[in-house]
Amino acid sequence: MVCDRNCGLITGAVIGAVLAVLGGILIPVGDMLIEKKVKKEVVLEEGTIAFKNWVETGTEVYRQFWIFDVQNPEEVAVNSSKIKVKQRGPYTYRVRYLAKKNIVQDPKTHTVSFLQPKGAIFEPSLSVGTENDTFTVLNLAVAHHNTSDGVYKVFSGKNDAISKANGASFPPFIEKTRVLRFFASEICRSFYAVFGAEVNLKGIPVYRFILPSMTFASPLQNPENRCFCTEKIISKNCTLYGVLDISKCKEGKPVYISLPHFLHASPEIAKTIEGLNPNQEEHSTYLDVEPITGFTLRFAQRLQINLLVKPARIIEALKNLKQNYIVPVLWLNETGTISDEKAEMFRKQVTEKINLLGLVEMILLSVGVVMFIAFMISYCTCRSKKVN
C-alpha cells in the first residue's frame, strides 16, 4: 500500500514536470509559429490576408472640413487689424477608396505598383450645412472627383521590406519604443509618430501612436524641417515653430501647414488672428496600430491649411497692410476605423488564436508546476512519517 501510494505521488510529480516543461517549450515554439504565420500573411501577395484587405479595404473613411470664415475683411484691408475668424463646420464627405486597379507585382524589387481611384460623397447628416454655404476666405480652389492621382509603387513587405500601402502600413511585431513613419502625398512630406497609449478597439488591443509636437518644430529643434523654412524674415531666421512652408510642393503658392488652430505653434504666429482655440484632444493626429501584424486599424489625420499674406503696394486689397499674416483657411480631419465585420474577422483569425495559444501555454505551465510541487510535498511528507 505504501509503495503504491508513493509510486502514485512520484508519477503525479513526473506528469506535472512534463506538463510544465511542455508549457515552457510551447512558449518559444508558439511564438516562432506565430511569427512565421504573421510574416507570411502581411505580405502583399495573392492569397494573403493583407492583400485581400489592401485591394479593397472596406473601411469607411470620412473627411471633415472646418472653414475659417473671416468676419472683418474690410477692417483688415483698410486698417491692417487683427483678422477675426469664426470656425464653421464640419462639412463631411465619405471618401470612397475604391478597389485598386492595374496591380503589378515585381518579385525582383519586392514592390507593387497600382492605381488608386478615389471619390467623395457629401454626408448632410454629418455636416452643419450644405455644399452651397458661403464664406469669406482667402482665394482657395478645392476639388473631390472620381479620379486617381497617378501610379503608386509600394513595398510588398517581402523579406522584411516595409509596406507603405495607403501611406500607413508597418512591419509586424511593433514595440512601444518604435518610431513609425508614414507619407502624406497631399503635402509632399513624411511624418513620424511615437507611442502614446494602449487602447482597446472593438475587442482588439492596439497601440496608439501620436504625432509629437516636434513634427512641426523649428529647424533649430528638428533638423528634418530645414527644407520647410525657405525664407528668413517671416520665420525670424527659422526660429518660429508650429508651421511648415510647403510652397515648393504647391507650385510656389504661399501655403503653410500646421496643426488645427495652430496647436503647438509659436504664440506670435497666432497673435494676428482672433477666434482660435487649440485643443490637444480634438486637433492632434494619431494612428491605432495592431502591434503583432502592424496593420493600422484606426486613424485620425488632422492638418490645417494656411496662406501667407504680405503687404503689396500694387495690389489694392493688400496695399494698406502693415504686417504679415499667416491666415488659417481651413482644417481637415480624415478618419477611418476598421468595420465591425472586419474587426470580427481579425479577432477570429488573429487575436483569438493568439490568446488561445497563450492561454494553453499558461495552463500547461501553471498546472504542471502546481502538480509537481503538490505531489513532491505529499511524497516528502509521507516519507518523513514513515521514518518517524
Protein backbone atom coordinates (compact mmCIF):
# COMPACT_ATOMS: atom_id res chain seq x y z
CA MET A 1 0.00 0.00 0.00
CA VAL A 2 2.81 2.38 0.95
CA CYS A 3 4.67 1.58 -2.26
CA ASP A 4 1.59 2.09 -4.37
CA ARG A 5 0.90 5.43 -2.72
CA ASN A 6 4.49 6.63 -3.09
CA CYS A 7 4.62 5.45 -6.70
CA GLY A 8 1.40 7.33 -7.41
CA LEU A 9 2.79 10.53 -5.87
CA ILE A 10 6.01 10.24 -7.87
CA THR A 11 4.02 9.57 -11.04
CA GLY A 12 1.90 12.67 -10.39
CA ALA A 13 5.04 14.75 -9.84
CA VAL A 14 6.56 13.45 -13.08
CA ILE A 15 3.38 14.24 -15.01
CA GLY A 16 3.39 17.75 -13.53
CA ALA A 17 7.02 18.22 -14.50
CA VAL A 18 6.28 17.04 -18.07
CA LEU A 19 3.33 19.44 -18.36
CA ALA A 20 5.43 22.33 -17.04
CA VAL A 21 8.26 21.55 -19.46
CA LEU A 22 5.78 21.20 -22.33
CA GLY A 23 4.25 24.57 -21.46
CA GLY A 24 7.70 26.14 -21.25
CA ILE A 25 8.75 24.68 -24.61
CA LEU A 26 5.47 25.73 -26.24
CA ILE A 27 6.10 29.42 -25.42
CA PRO A 28 9.10 29.94 -27.75
CA VAL A 29 7.81 27.38 -30.27
CA GLY A 30 4.38 29.05 -30.33
CA ASP A 31 5.95 32.48 -30.73
CA MET A 32 8.03 31.16 -33.61
CA LEU A 33 4.95 29.68 -35.33
CA ILE A 34 3.01 32.92 -34.83
CA GLU A 35 5.88 34.98 -36.23
CA LYS A 36 6.17 32.73 -39.27
CA LYS A 37 2.43 32.88 -39.95
CA VAL A 38 2.16 36.63 -39.45
CA LYS A 39 5.14 37.41 -41.68
CA LYS A 40 3.52 35.34 -44.40
CA GLU A 41 0.09 36.95 -44.10
CA VAL A 42 1.23 40.60 -44.01
CA VAL A 43 2.97 40.40 -47.39
CA LEU A 44 1.11 41.98 -50.32
CA GLU A 45 0.82 38.82 -52.38
CA GLU A 46 -2.15 36.95 -53.82
CA GLY A 47 -3.91 34.88 -51.17
CA THR A 48 -2.69 36.68 -48.03
CA ILE A 49 -4.92 38.48 -45.54
CA ALA A 50 -3.02 41.72 -46.14
CA PHE A 51 -3.55 41.53 -49.91
CA LYS A 52 -7.31 40.91 -49.60
CA ASN A 53 -7.77 43.87 -47.27
CA TRP A 54 -5.39 46.06 -49.27
CA VAL A 55 -7.03 45.63 -52.69
CA GLU A 56 -10.40 46.73 -51.32
CA THR A 57 -10.24 47.93 -47.74
CA GLY A 58 -13.96 48.05 -46.96
CA THR A 59 -13.17 50.69 -44.32
CA GLU A 60 -15.27 53.85 -44.49
CA VAL A 61 -13.07 56.92 -44.41
CA TYR A 62 -14.54 60.31 -43.57
CA ARG A 63 -13.00 63.66 -44.43
CA GLN A 64 -14.32 66.61 -42.45
CA PHE A 65 -13.62 70.27 -43.16
CA TRP A 66 -13.87 73.25 -40.85
CA ILE A 67 -13.74 76.60 -42.66
CA PHE A 68 -12.35 79.76 -41.03
CA ASP A 69 -14.91 82.39 -42.01
CA VAL A 70 -13.34 85.89 -41.88
CA GLN A 71 -15.66 88.29 -40.03
CA ASN A 72 -13.91 91.62 -40.71
CA PRO A 73 -12.34 91.61 -44.20
CA GLU A 74 -12.83 95.35 -44.84
CA GLU A 75 -11.36 96.30 -41.45
CA VAL A 76 -8.29 94.20 -42.14
CA ALA A 77 -7.81 95.59 -45.64
CA VAL A 78 -8.12 99.22 -44.51
CA ASN A 79 -6.57 99.23 -41.02
CA SER A 80 -4.37 96.11 -41.03
CA SER A 81 -6.32 94.92 -37.99
CA LYS A 82 -6.34 91.51 -36.39
CA ILE A 83 -8.20 89.00 -38.54
CA LYS A 84 -11.32 87.78 -36.76
CA VAL A 85 -12.29 84.29 -37.79
CA LYS A 86 -15.21 82.05 -36.93
CA GLN A 87 -14.88 78.31 -37.37
CA ARG A 88 -17.73 76.79 -39.40
CA GLY A 89 -18.09 73.06 -39.77
CA PRO A 90 -17.82 70.23 -40.02
CA TYR A 91 -18.64 69.65 -43.67
CA THR A 92 -18.27 65.92 -44.01
CA TYR A 93 -17.52 63.73 -47.01
CA ARG A 94 -17.41 59.96 -47.11
CA VAL A 95 -14.26 59.18 -49.02
CA ARG A 96 -14.53 56.11 -51.22
CA TYR A 97 -11.26 54.29 -51.55
CA LEU A 98 -12.33 52.08 -54.44
CA ALA A 99 -10.68 48.78 -55.35
CA LYS A 100 -7.17 49.26 -56.64
CA LYS A 101 -6.56 48.81 -60.36
CA ASN A 102 -3.68 47.82 -62.65
CA ILE A 103 -1.90 45.93 -59.86
CA VAL A 104 1.55 44.77 -60.98
CA GLN A 105 3.84 42.67 -58.74
CA ASP A 106 7.62 42.95 -59.19
CA PRO A 107 9.25 39.93 -57.48
CA LYS A 108 12.76 41.28 -58.11
CA THR A 109 12.34 44.52 -56.18
CA HIS A 110 9.51 43.24 -53.91
CA THR A 111 7.31 46.16 -54.93
CA VAL A 112 3.72 46.53 -56.09
CA SER A 113 2.52 49.30 -58.42
CA PHE A 114 -1.14 50.22 -58.76
CA LEU A 115 -3.72 52.92 -59.46
CA GLN A 116 -5.92 54.12 -56.60
CA PRO A 117 -9.29 55.51 -57.80
CA LYS A 118 -10.82 57.99 -55.41
CA GLY A 119 -14.10 59.73 -54.85
CA ALA A 120 -16.09 61.57 -52.20
CA ILE A 121 -19.77 61.76 -51.30
CA PHE A 122 -21.16 64.63 -49.24
CA GLU A 123 -22.81 63.50 -45.98
CA PRO A 124 -25.50 66.05 -44.99
CA SER A 125 -26.35 64.20 -41.76
CA LEU A 126 -22.78 64.66 -40.52
CA SER A 127 -22.47 68.28 -41.67
CA VAL A 128 -23.65 71.61 -40.28
CA GLY A 129 -24.80 72.94 -43.63
CA THR A 130 -24.85 72.29 -47.35
CA GLU A 131 -22.25 72.50 -50.08
CA ASN A 132 -23.89 75.79 -51.12
CA ASP A 133 -22.96 77.62 -47.90
CA THR A 134 -20.90 80.78 -48.45
CA PHE A 135 -17.85 82.03 -46.56
CA THR A 136 -15.41 84.88 -46.63
CA VAL A 137 -11.96 83.34 -47.01
CA LEU A 138 -8.80 83.85 -48.97
CA ASN A 139 -9.00 82.58 -52.53
CA LEU A 140 -8.62 78.80 -52.44
CA ALA A 141 -9.57 76.18 -55.00
CA VAL A 142 -10.58 72.73 -53.68
CA ALA A 143 -11.68 69.68 -55.86
CA HIS A 144 -13.24 65.95 -54.93
CA HIS A 145 -13.56 63.92 -58.26
CA ASN A 146 -13.69 60.22 -59.25
CA THR A 147 -10.10 60.19 -60.43
CA SER A 148 -6.86 58.56 -59.48
CA ASP A 149 -3.79 60.56 -58.55
CA GLY A 150 -1.19 58.68 -60.53
CA VAL A 151 0.63 55.40 -60.18
CA TYR A 152 1.70 54.37 -56.68
CA LYS A 153 4.57 51.99 -56.01
CA VAL A 154 4.89 50.40 -52.56
CA PHE A 155 7.00 47.70 -50.96
CA SER A 156 5.20 44.37 -50.68
CA GLY A 157 6.64 43.51 -47.25
CA LYS A 158 8.55 40.51 -48.63
CA ASN A 159 11.91 39.90 -46.90
CA ASP A 160 11.06 42.47 -44.19
CA ALA A 161 10.72 45.32 -46.70
CA ILE A 162 8.41 47.90 -45.15
CA SER A 163 4.99 48.10 -46.74
CA LYS A 164 3.66 51.61 -47.24
CA ALA A 165 0.22 50.77 -48.59
CA ASN A 166 -2.12 53.76 -48.21
CA GLY A 167 0.73 55.59 -46.51
CA ALA A 168 0.41 53.87 -43.14
CA SER A 169 1.18 50.15 -43.07
CA PHE A 170 4.06 48.95 -40.98
CA PRO A 171 6.18 45.85 -40.34
CA PRO A 172 4.80 43.26 -37.88
CA PHE A 173 5.77 42.92 -34.20
CA ILE A 174 5.84 46.61 -33.34
CA GLU A 175 7.31 47.62 -29.98
CA LYS A 176 6.32 50.68 -27.98
CA THR A 177 9.77 52.18 -28.46
CA ARG A 178 9.43 52.15 -32.25
CA VAL A 179 9.05 55.36 -34.26
CA LEU A 180 6.53 54.96 -37.10
CA ARG A 181 6.94 56.92 -40.32
CA PHE A 182 4.27 57.47 -42.95
CA PHE A 183 3.96 59.63 -46.04
CA ALA A 184 1.21 62.17 -46.76
CA SER A 185 1.14 62.74 -50.52
CA GLU A 186 -1.14 65.81 -50.25
CA ILE A 187 1.59 67.83 -48.55
CA CYS A 188 4.62 66.14 -50.06
CA ARG A 189 6.25 65.09 -46.84
CA SER A 190 6.57 62.27 -44.35
CA PHE A 191 5.61 62.35 -40.70
CA TYR A 192 6.60 60.26 -37.73
CA ALA A 193 4.59 59.09 -34.74
CA VAL A 194 5.59 57.84 -31.28
CA PHE A 195 3.84 55.56 -28.82
CA GLY A 196 1.15 57.24 -26.75
CA ALA A 197 -1.08 54.63 -25.10
CA GLU A 198 -2.56 51.15 -25.23
CA VAL A 199 -6.15 51.18 -26.49
CA ASN A 200 -8.84 48.53 -26.98
CA LEU A 201 -10.52 48.85 -30.37
CA LYS A 202 -13.57 46.62 -30.85
CA GLY A 203 -12.01 43.90 -28.74
CA ILE A 204 -8.59 44.21 -30.40
CA PRO A 205 -5.62 45.52 -28.34
CA VAL A 206 -3.84 48.25 -30.30
CA TYR A 207 -1.02 50.72 -29.75
CA ARG A 208 -1.90 54.38 -30.26
CA PHE A 209 0.91 56.32 -31.91
CA ILE A 210 0.62 60.10 -31.88
CA LEU A 211 2.16 62.92 -33.86
CA PRO A 212 4.56 64.69 -31.46
CA SER A 213 4.90 68.46 -31.28
CA MET A 214 8.46 68.10 -32.61
CA THR A 215 6.95 67.29 -36.02
CA PHE A 216 6.27 71.00 -36.53
CA ALA A 217 9.28 72.27 -34.58
CA SER A 218 11.69 74.83 -35.98
CA PRO A 219 14.71 73.56 -37.94
CA LEU A 220 16.85 74.51 -34.93
CA GLN A 221 14.94 71.95 -32.82
CA ASN A 222 14.20 69.45 -35.59
CA PRO A 223 16.75 69.44 -38.47
CA GLU A 224 14.34 67.37 -40.59
CA ASN A 225 12.30 70.56 -41.08
CA ARG A 226 15.10 72.62 -42.61
CA CYS A 227 13.61 72.16 -46.11
CA PHE A 228 10.34 73.73 -44.92
CA CYS A 229 11.88 77.04 -43.93
CA THR A 230 12.58 78.88 -47.20
CA GLU A 231 12.98 82.47 -46.00
CA LYS A 232 14.42 84.30 -43.00
CA ILE A 233 12.17 87.31 -42.34
CA ILE A 234 8.75 85.78 -41.70
CA SER A 235 10.26 82.76 -39.93
CA LYS A 236 12.56 85.01 -37.87
CA ASN A 237 15.65 83.16 -39.07
CA CYS A 238 13.78 79.84 -38.89
CA THR A 239 13.17 80.13 -35.14
CA LEU A 240 9.35 80.08 -35.33
CA TYR A 241 7.73 76.71 -34.83
CA GLY A 242 4.34 75.17 -35.49
CA VAL A 243 4.02 75.88 -39.24
CA LEU A 244 5.83 74.43 -42.25
CA ASP A 245 6.26 76.15 -45.60
CA ILE A 246 5.21 73.74 -48.37
CA SER A 247 5.18 76.30 -51.20
CA LYS A 248 7.69 74.23 -53.19
CA CYS A 249 5.15 71.42 -53.18
CA LYS A 250 2.34 73.76 -54.31
CA GLU A 251 3.92 75.36 -57.40
CA GLY A 252 5.20 78.34 -55.44
CA LYS A 253 1.88 79.24 -53.82
CA PRO A 254 2.45 80.59 -50.26
CA VAL A 255 0.91 77.60 -48.48
CA TYR A 256 1.80 76.70 -44.91
CA ILE A 257 0.60 73.67 -42.97
CA SER A 258 0.12 73.36 -39.22
CA LEU A 259 -1.93 71.51 -36.69
CA PRO A 260 -5.52 72.85 -36.36
CA HIS A 261 -5.88 76.20 -34.61
CA PHE A 262 -2.05 76.45 -34.59
CA LEU A 263 -1.75 73.81 -31.89
CA HIS A 264 1.86 73.67 -30.55
CA ALA A 265 2.81 76.77 -32.61
CA SER A 266 4.79 79.86 -31.62
CA PRO A 267 2.45 82.33 -29.86
CA GLU A 268 3.32 85.15 -32.25
CA ILE A 269 2.05 83.17 -35.26
CA ALA A 270 -1.49 83.35 -33.90
CA LYS A 271 -1.26 86.87 -32.44
CA THR A 272 -2.66 88.41 -35.67
CA ILE A 273 -5.65 86.03 -35.63
CA GLU A 274 -8.65 86.22 -33.30
CA GLY A 275 -11.04 83.30 -32.72
CA LEU A 276 -8.70 80.33 -32.43
CA ASN A 277 -8.96 77.71 -29.70
CA PRO A 278 -6.31 74.96 -29.94
CA ASN A 279 -7.21 71.69 -28.21
CA GLN A 280 -4.94 68.67 -27.85
CA GLU A 281 -7.73 66.07 -27.91
CA GLU A 282 -9.60 67.48 -30.93
CA HIS A 283 -6.67 68.68 -33.00
CA SER A 284 -3.96 66.01 -32.70
CA THR A 285 -3.15 63.22 -35.17
CA TYR A 286 -2.92 59.57 -34.17
CA LEU A 287 -2.70 56.01 -35.54
CA ASP A 288 -4.08 52.92 -33.79
CA VAL A 289 -1.80 50.07 -34.89
CA GLU A 290 -2.26 46.38 -34.09
CA PRO A 291 1.27 45.57 -32.86
CA ILE A 292 1.53 41.93 -34.00
CA THR A 293 0.53 42.44 -37.64
CA GLY A 294 1.44 46.12 -38.00
CA PHE A 295 -1.98 46.87 -39.52
CA THR A 296 -3.42 50.34 -38.94
CA LEU A 297 -6.99 49.73 -37.73
CA ARG A 298 -7.97 53.33 -36.94
CA PHE A 299 -6.50 56.73 -37.66
CA ALA A 300 -7.23 60.44 -37.42
CA GLN A 301 -5.15 62.79 -39.56
CA ARG A 302 -5.69 66.44 -38.70
CA LEU A 303 -4.00 69.27 -40.54
CA GLN A 304 -4.62 72.95 -41.17
CA ILE A 305 -4.08 74.81 -44.44
CA ASN A 306 -2.84 78.39 -44.13
CA LEU A 307 -1.88 81.05 -46.66
CA LEU A 308 0.77 83.72 -46.21
CA VAL A 309 -0.45 87.27 -46.88
CA LYS A 310 2.06 90.13 -47.14
CA PRO A 311 1.72 93.86 -47.85
CA ALA A 312 1.78 94.64 -51.58
CA ARG A 313 1.53 98.18 -52.93
CA ILE A 314 0.47 97.14 -56.39
CA ILE A 315 -2.49 95.08 -55.09
CA GLU A 316 -5.43 97.20 -53.95
CA ALA A 317 -6.61 94.79 -51.21
CA LEU A 318 -3.11 94.47 -49.73
CA LYS A 319 -1.58 97.93 -50.10
CA ASN A 320 -2.68 99.13 -46.62
CA LEU A 321 -1.39 96.09 -44.75
CA LYS A 322 1.37 96.88 -42.27
CA GLN A 323 2.20 93.33 -41.20
CA ASN A 324 2.43 89.78 -42.47
CA TYR A 325 -0.36 87.32 -41.77
CA ILE A 326 -0.35 83.52 -41.83
CA VAL A 327 -4.06 83.15 -42.35
CA PRO A 328 -5.89 79.91 -41.48
CA VAL A 329 -8.17 78.90 -44.33
CA LEU A 330 -9.46 75.51 -43.24
CA TRP A 331 -8.53 72.46 -41.27
CA LEU A 332 -9.42 68.90 -42.07
CA ASN A 333 -9.91 65.73 -40.12
CA GLU A 334 -9.61 62.49 -42.09
CA THR A 335 -10.63 59.47 -40.06
CA GLY A 336 -11.04 55.78 -40.72
CA THR A 337 -11.92 52.84 -38.46
CA ILE A 338 -11.98 49.12 -39.13
CA SER A 339 -15.55 47.98 -39.75
CA ASP A 340 -17.37 45.67 -37.32
CA GLU A 341 -17.27 42.87 -39.91
CA LYS A 342 -13.52 43.26 -40.49
CA ALA A 343 -12.89 43.55 -36.75
CA GLU A 344 -14.74 40.28 -36.11
CA MET A 345 -12.74 38.56 -38.86
CA PHE A 346 -9.50 39.95 -37.41
CA ARG A 347 -10.38 38.75 -33.91
CA LYS A 348 -11.15 35.23 -35.15
CA GLN A 349 -8.12 34.91 -37.42
CA VAL A 350 -5.53 36.69 -35.28
CA THR A 351 -6.43 37.89 -31.78
CA GLU A 352 -8.43 34.88 -30.54
CA LYS A 353 -5.96 32.33 -31.90
CA ILE A 354 -3.02 34.10 -30.27
CA ASN A 355 -4.91 34.47 -26.99
CA LEU A 356 -5.89 30.79 -27.07
CA LEU A 357 -2.30 29.72 -27.64
CA GLY A 358 -1.14 31.94 -24.77
CA LEU A 359 -3.86 30.51 -22.53
CA VAL A 360 -2.83 26.92 -23.33
CA GLU A 361 0.81 27.77 -22.61
CA MET A 362 -0.03 29.31 -19.23
CA ILE A 363 -2.40 26.47 -18.24
CA LEU A 364 0.17 23.79 -19.04
CA LEU A 365 2.94 25.66 -17.25
CA SER A 366 0.84 26.61 -14.20
CA VAL A 367 -0.91 23.23 -13.77
CA GLY A 368 2.38 21.41 -14.30
CA VAL A 369 4.22 23.45 -11.68
CA VAL A 370 1.37 23.15 -9.16
CA MET A 371 1.10 19.40 -9.71
CA PHE A 372 4.85 18.89 -9.36
CA ILE A 373 5.10 20.91 -6.15
CA ALA A 374 1.96 19.40 -4.61
CA PHE A 375 2.89 15.78 -5.34
CA MET A 376 6.51 16.28 -4.25
CA ILE A 377 5.39 17.84 -0.95
CA SER A 378 2.98 14.93 -0.39
CA TYR A 379 5.70 12.40 -1.22
CA CYS A 380 8.20 14.03 1.15
CA THR A 381 5.57 14.20 3.90
CA CYS A 382 4.80 10.51 3.52
CA ARG A 383 8.49 9.63 3.58
CA SER A 384 9.07 11.64 6.75
CA LYS A 385 6.10 9.97 8.51
CA LYS A 386 7.47 6.53 7.53
CA VAL A 387 10.89 7.36 9.01
CA ASN A 388 9.32 8.55 12.26
